[in-house]
Protein backbone atom coordinates (compact mmCIF):
# COMPACT_ATOMS: atom_id res chain seq x y z
CA MET A 1 -3.43 -57.94 32.15
CA PRO A 2 -1.17 -57.70 35.45
CA GLN A 3 1.10 -60.83 35.69
CA ASN A 4 1.97 -59.94 39.39
CA SER A 5 -0.81 -61.47 41.38
CA CYS A 6 -1.40 -62.01 44.95
CA THR A 7 -3.63 -64.92 44.51
CA ARG A 8 -4.85 -67.13 47.20
CA THR A 9 -6.48 -70.60 46.60
CA ASP A 10 -7.93 -72.07 50.03
CA THR A 11 -10.19 -74.83 48.41
CA VAL A 12 -10.84 -77.92 50.49
CA SER A 13 -11.11 -80.84 48.13
CA HIS A 14 -12.92 -83.10 50.46
CA TYR A 15 -15.25 -80.48 51.35
CA LEU A 16 -16.35 -79.87 47.64
CA ASN A 17 -16.89 -83.70 47.09
CA TYR A 18 -20.31 -83.08 48.88
CA MET A 19 -20.83 -79.69 48.48
CA SER A 20 -24.00 -78.61 46.27
CA GLU A 21 -24.03 -74.90 45.57
CA ILE A 22 -21.28 -72.15 45.32
CA VAL A 23 -21.87 -68.49 45.46
CA ILE A 24 -19.06 -65.81 44.08
CA GLY A 25 -18.56 -62.62 45.51
CA ILE A 26 -16.34 -59.89 43.79
CA ASP A 27 -15.11 -56.85 45.12
CA VAL A 28 -13.81 -54.69 42.17
CA GLY A 29 -11.71 -51.77 43.87
CA SER A 30 -9.73 -49.38 41.99
CA VAL A 31 -6.44 -50.82 43.08
CA SER A 32 -7.26 -54.55 43.46
CA THR A 33 -9.96 -56.97 42.56
CA LYS A 34 -11.04 -59.62 45.14
CA THR A 35 -12.96 -62.72 44.31
CA VAL A 36 -14.24 -65.25 46.82
CA ALA A 37 -16.30 -68.41 46.64
CA LEU A 38 -18.50 -69.36 49.66
CA CYS A 39 -20.67 -72.51 50.11
CA ASP A 40 -24.40 -71.39 50.14
CA ARG A 41 -25.05 -73.90 52.91
CA ASP A 42 -22.97 -72.60 55.76
CA SER A 43 -21.09 -69.60 54.24
CA GLU A 44 -17.58 -71.46 54.40
CA LEU A 45 -14.79 -69.75 52.56
CA LEU A 46 -13.68 -72.17 49.83
CA THR A 47 -11.22 -70.12 47.88
CA SER A 48 -10.21 -66.59 47.12
CA ILE A 49 -8.27 -64.81 44.43
CA CYS A 50 -6.86 -61.39 44.39
CA TYR A 51 -5.39 -59.26 41.41
CA PRO A 52 -4.29 -55.72 40.63
CA THR A 53 -7.17 -54.02 38.81
CA CYS A 54 -4.62 -52.02 36.87
CA GLY A 55 -7.47 -49.85 35.00
CA ASP A 56 -9.11 -53.08 33.66
CA PRO A 57 -11.58 -53.88 36.17
CA LEU A 58 -13.79 -56.21 33.83
CA GLY A 59 -10.78 -57.98 32.45
CA VAL A 60 -9.55 -58.96 35.81
CA ALA A 61 -12.94 -59.80 37.21
CA SER A 62 -13.27 -62.11 34.28
CA ARG A 63 -10.14 -63.69 34.71
CA SER A 64 -10.75 -64.40 38.27
CA LEU A 65 -14.23 -65.73 37.39
CA ARG A 66 -12.71 -68.28 35.05
CA GLU A 67 -9.91 -69.13 37.49
CA ILE A 68 -12.51 -69.74 40.16
CA SER A 69 -14.92 -71.87 37.96
CA GLN A 70 -11.97 -74.22 36.78
CA THR A 71 -10.90 -74.70 40.39
CA LEU A 72 -14.12 -75.71 41.99
CA GLU A 73 -16.33 -78.55 41.03
CA GLY A 74 -19.75 -77.52 42.44
CA ASN A 75 -22.49 -75.59 40.58
CA ILE A 76 -22.13 -71.65 40.80
CA SER A 77 -25.61 -70.63 42.07
CA GLY A 78 -25.09 -66.84 41.88
CA ILE A 79 -22.61 -63.95 41.60
CA ALA A 80 -22.67 -60.67 43.57
CA VAL A 81 -20.61 -57.61 42.85
CA THR A 82 -19.43 -54.81 45.01
CA GLY A 83 -16.55 -52.24 44.70
CA SER A 84 -16.16 -48.94 42.92
CA ALA A 85 -16.62 -50.58 39.50
CA ARG A 86 -19.51 -52.85 40.66
CA GLU A 87 -21.99 -51.36 38.10
CA LEU A 88 -19.41 -51.79 35.29
CA VAL A 89 -18.65 -55.48 36.09
CA GLY A 90 -21.98 -56.41 37.56
CA ASN A 91 -23.99 -55.40 34.35
CA ALA A 92 -21.43 -57.04 32.03
CA ILE A 93 -21.27 -60.43 33.66
CA GLU A 94 -25.02 -60.18 34.55
CA ALA A 95 -24.49 -60.55 38.46
CA ASP A 96 -27.60 -61.56 40.48
CA ILE A 97 -26.56 -58.51 42.86
CA ILE A 98 -24.99 -55.43 42.63
CA LYS A 99 -24.41 -53.70 45.93
CA ASN A 100 -22.81 -50.70 47.63
CA GLU A 101 -19.53 -51.20 49.59
CA ILE A 102 -21.01 -49.96 52.90
CA THR A 103 -23.68 -52.75 52.92
CA CYS A 104 -21.28 -55.47 51.99
CA GLN A 105 -18.57 -54.28 54.71
CA ALA A 106 -21.09 -54.26 57.31
CA LEU A 107 -22.61 -57.42 56.68
CA ALA A 108 -18.94 -59.16 56.56
CA ALA A 109 -18.39 -57.48 59.96
CA THR A 110 -21.70 -58.59 61.82
CA HIS A 111 -21.52 -62.19 60.28
CA PHE A 112 -18.34 -62.87 62.30
CA TYR A 113 -18.81 -60.30 65.08
CA PRO A 114 -22.53 -59.60 65.84
CA SER A 115 -22.28 -57.33 68.39
CA ALA A 116 -19.74 -55.00 66.24
CA ARG A 117 -20.60 -51.40 66.73
CA THR A 118 -17.94 -49.66 64.76
CA ILE A 119 -16.25 -50.69 61.24
CA ILE A 120 -13.00 -49.14 60.42
CA GLU A 121 -12.62 -50.05 56.65
CA ILE A 122 -9.30 -48.56 54.82
CA GLY A 123 -8.69 -49.84 51.27
CA GLY A 124 -6.26 -49.00 48.46
CA GLN A 125 -7.72 -45.75 47.56
CA ASP A 126 -10.32 -44.70 50.16
CA SER A 127 -11.43 -45.10 53.77
CA LYS A 128 -14.73 -45.62 55.53
CA LEU A 129 -16.19 -45.47 58.94
CA ILE A 130 -19.41 -47.34 59.59
CA PHE A 131 -21.59 -47.10 62.82
CA LEU A 132 -23.70 -50.14 63.48
CA ARG A 133 -26.43 -50.56 66.11
CA ASP A 134 -28.31 -54.16 66.32
CA GLY A 135 -26.56 -55.34 63.32
CA LEU A 136 -27.56 -52.71 60.95
CA VAL A 137 -26.12 -49.57 59.49
CA GLN A 138 -26.83 -46.62 61.58
CA ASP A 139 -24.59 -44.04 60.01
CA PHE A 140 -21.19 -44.01 57.84
CA SER A 141 -18.75 -41.52 56.37
CA MET A 142 -15.79 -41.58 53.89
CA ASN A 143 -12.77 -39.83 53.48
CA THR A 144 -13.16 -36.44 51.93
CA VAL A 145 -9.64 -34.81 52.09
CA CYS A 146 -7.05 -36.89 50.05
CA ALA A 147 -5.43 -40.23 49.82
CA ALA A 148 -3.41 -39.89 52.91
CA GLY A 149 -3.69 -42.88 55.02
CA THR A 150 -4.92 -45.38 52.04
CA GLY A 151 -3.21 -48.49 51.25
CA SER A 152 -1.54 -47.15 48.17
CA PHE A 153 0.06 -43.91 50.17
CA LEU A 154 1.45 -46.30 52.65
CA GLU A 155 2.90 -48.55 50.15
CA HIS A 156 4.21 -45.65 48.27
CA GLN A 157 6.06 -44.48 51.56
CA ALA A 158 7.34 -48.04 52.26
CA ARG A 159 8.89 -48.24 49.01
CA ARG A 160 10.32 -44.65 49.15
CA LEU A 161 12.15 -45.99 52.38
CA GLY A 162 13.37 -49.25 50.64
CA LEU A 163 11.06 -51.50 52.87
CA ASP A 164 8.24 -54.01 52.37
CA MET A 165 5.02 -53.51 54.03
CA SER A 166 5.82 -56.36 56.79
CA ASP A 167 9.29 -54.56 57.61
CA PHE A 168 7.24 -51.34 57.76
CA ALA A 169 4.79 -52.90 60.40
CA VAL A 170 7.61 -54.23 62.29
CA ARG A 171 9.42 -50.88 62.67
CA ALA A 172 6.26 -49.15 63.84
CA ALA A 173 5.87 -51.93 66.32
CA ASN A 174 9.27 -51.22 67.89
CA SER A 175 8.92 -47.30 68.07
CA GLN A 176 9.67 -45.88 71.39
CA SER A 177 9.22 -42.05 70.70
CA PRO A 178 7.01 -41.37 67.58
CA VAL A 179 7.79 -38.17 65.62
CA LYS A 180 5.05 -35.69 64.97
CA ILE A 181 3.95 -35.84 61.40
CA ALA A 182 1.43 -33.91 59.40
CA GLY A 183 -1.32 -36.41 58.04
CA ARG A 184 -3.84 -34.09 56.29
CA CYS A 185 -2.04 -34.04 52.93
CA THR A 186 0.06 -36.36 51.26
CA VAL A 187 2.70 -33.89 50.25
CA PHE A 188 2.94 -32.61 53.65
CA THR A 189 3.24 -35.80 55.13
CA GLU A 190 6.14 -36.80 53.09
CA SER A 191 7.79 -33.51 53.78
CA ASP A 192 7.57 -33.95 57.45
CA MET A 193 8.80 -37.53 57.19
CA ILE A 194 11.85 -36.23 55.15
CA HIS A 195 12.47 -33.40 57.46
CA ALA A 196 12.40 -35.84 60.54
CA GLN A 197 15.06 -38.14 58.94
CA GLN A 198 17.18 -35.32 58.07
CA THR A 199 17.33 -34.23 61.74
CA GLY A 200 18.16 -37.65 62.89
CA ALA A 201 15.04 -39.17 64.08
CA ALA A 202 14.95 -42.85 64.30
CA LEU A 203 13.42 -44.56 61.26
CA ASN A 204 11.16 -46.58 63.57
CA ASP A 205 9.68 -43.36 65.07
CA VAL A 206 9.20 -41.83 61.76
CA ILE A 207 7.05 -44.81 60.67
CA PHE A 208 4.96 -44.94 63.68
CA GLY A 209 4.59 -41.06 63.73
CA LEU A 210 3.32 -41.56 60.24
CA CYS A 211 0.82 -44.19 61.22
CA LEU A 212 -0.38 -42.13 64.21
CA ALA A 213 -0.83 -38.98 61.77
CA LEU A 214 -2.75 -41.01 59.36
CA CYS A 215 -5.24 -42.59 61.89
CA ASN A 216 -5.66 -39.06 63.47
CA ASN A 217 -6.51 -37.70 60.18
CA PHE A 218 -8.93 -40.52 59.40
CA LEU A 219 -10.73 -40.25 62.59
CA SER A 220 -11.29 -36.39 62.41
CA ASP A 221 -12.15 -36.41 58.72
CA ALA A 222 -14.40 -39.50 58.48
CA GLY A 223 -15.28 -39.50 62.35
CA ARG A 224 -16.23 -35.85 62.33
CA ALA A 225 -16.40 -35.86 66.41
CA ARG A 226 -18.45 -38.99 66.45
CA VAL A 227 -17.96 -41.33 69.42
CA VAL A 228 -16.19 -44.69 68.15
CA GLU A 229 -17.97 -47.34 70.25
CA GLN A 230 -16.62 -50.90 70.81
CA PRO A 231 -16.22 -53.41 69.54
CA VAL A 232 -14.19 -51.89 66.64
CA ILE A 233 -13.60 -54.06 63.63
CA PHE A 234 -10.94 -53.04 61.37
CA GLN A 235 -11.33 -54.21 57.64
CA GLY A 236 -9.68 -53.61 54.35
CA GLY A 237 -6.08 -54.35 53.37
CA VAL A 238 -4.62 -51.66 55.46
CA ALA A 239 -5.77 -53.70 58.64
CA LEU A 240 -3.08 -56.05 57.64
CA ASN A 241 -0.48 -53.49 58.54
CA SER A 242 0.06 -54.00 62.53
CA GLY A 243 1.60 -50.62 62.76
CA MET A 244 -1.96 -49.06 61.68
CA VAL A 245 -3.62 -51.41 64.27
CA ARG A 246 -1.04 -50.16 67.18
CA ALA A 247 -1.94 -46.40 66.04
CA PHE A 248 -5.62 -46.81 66.35
CA GLU A 249 -5.37 -48.69 69.45
CA LYS A 250 -3.10 -45.95 71.03
CA ILE A 251 -5.39 -43.26 69.89
CA LEU A 252 -8.81 -44.74 70.69
CA ASN A 253 -7.41 -46.47 73.78
CA ALA A 254 -9.41 -49.46 72.69
CA THR A 255 -8.62 -52.96 71.53
CA ILE A 256 -9.02 -53.06 67.57
CA ILE A 257 -10.39 -56.40 66.36
CA VAL A 258 -8.62 -57.30 63.16
CA GLN A 259 -11.34 -58.99 60.83
CA VAL A 260 -10.69 -62.48 59.37
CA ARG A 261 -9.18 -62.03 56.10
CA PRO A 262 -9.68 -58.28 56.24
CA GLU A 263 -8.73 -57.71 52.47
CA LEU A 264 -11.65 -59.84 51.26
CA THR A 265 -14.47 -58.67 53.58
CA GLY A 266 -16.21 -56.43 50.50
CA ALA A 267 -16.17 -59.54 48.41
CA ILE A 268 -17.28 -61.74 51.30
CA GLY A 269 -20.07 -59.47 52.34
CA ALA A 270 -21.46 -59.44 48.92
CA ALA A 271 -21.31 -63.29 48.52
CA LEU A 272 -23.04 -63.19 52.08
CA LEU A 273 -25.76 -61.07 50.88
CA LEU A 274 -26.60 -63.15 47.98
CA ILE A 275 -26.66 -66.29 50.31
CA LYS A 276 -29.35 -64.39 52.26
CA ASP A 277 -31.25 -63.57 49.14
CA LEU A 278 -31.19 -67.41 47.92
CA GLU A 279 -32.52 -68.38 51.34
CA HIS A 280 -35.48 -65.96 50.77
CA ASN A 281 -36.16 -66.89 47.30
CA LYS A 282 -35.75 -70.85 47.22
CA GLY A 283 -37.16 -72.39 43.96
CA CYS A 284 -36.36 -68.96 41.87
CA LEU A 285 -33.78 -69.13 39.23
CA LEU A 286 -31.43 -66.30 39.22
CA ARG A 287 -29.70 -64.37 36.40
CA SER A 288 -26.67 -66.46 36.37
CA GLN A 289 -28.48 -69.58 36.53
CA THR A 290 -30.87 -68.84 33.53
CA ARG A 291 -27.98 -67.74 31.44
CA ARG A 292 -24.63 -69.15 31.59
CA ILE A 293 -22.10 -66.39 30.78
CA SER A 294 -18.86 -66.93 28.71
CA TRP A 295 -16.24 -65.03 30.58
CA ASP A 296 -13.58 -65.69 28.17
CA GLY A 297 -14.72 -62.90 25.73
CA MET A 298 -15.07 -60.07 28.45
CA GLY A 299 -12.62 -57.40 28.91
CA ARG A 300 -8.89 -58.20 27.99
CA GLY A 301 -8.40 -61.37 30.19
């Protein structure tokens, strides 16, 4: 089980004193597992936990559930799971809803921004472009070329340059003359960056050139010549990188709206979906209510 966690606990204690039910959303990704708790009455985010998945999605999800249940005082009325390992984890913990990432990301976007037309979602290992109309998914596509542009690749390049991600973003923001970088392949991208540095290019310009290349690659691959209509919502952990936000705004000549807690939108969307289901099925016991699960014995958590 990973010890290096990026854990956030946002519990509002006075709010919990009169809160009746809690809904849990889990986004089990290949790089990280995000778990959120929402109030089922007004969808208020109560707490969130994020851990590296480290090849043990069930163990990490189980650990997160234990910590959430120990932190909050209300009753857990249901659990929803999404992400790449949703079937494995969802079936093991007897989740009430197991849903694809597209649906959950779309619901998270339209919950906060009802007029959203396009969602850019970039996570640790994949990326998605989702088109909306009247709050519903009209079409979507995912990256098909390689991992260039994902969170893992950006973190790798930052480490190679001896920077943390906050420094990486600041340097991209201060670029004056970005270098042209190939963005279609991780190998060629890194090679172009090294060559630019060796020929004297400023590091700020190399970094922002990388951001531009990756955004262009994303739009040409996932976008496939589709018109990106505004409002554009940026979700996923990469949305926290202001260099990537600036690059998308420059290429699209549009304002990019960075989602509230963009790294949590998959888990939030899953929980919101379950809240809607609860509203339509009042009086019906859910799976997690009829059989309380012991998460201690699951995985290696």
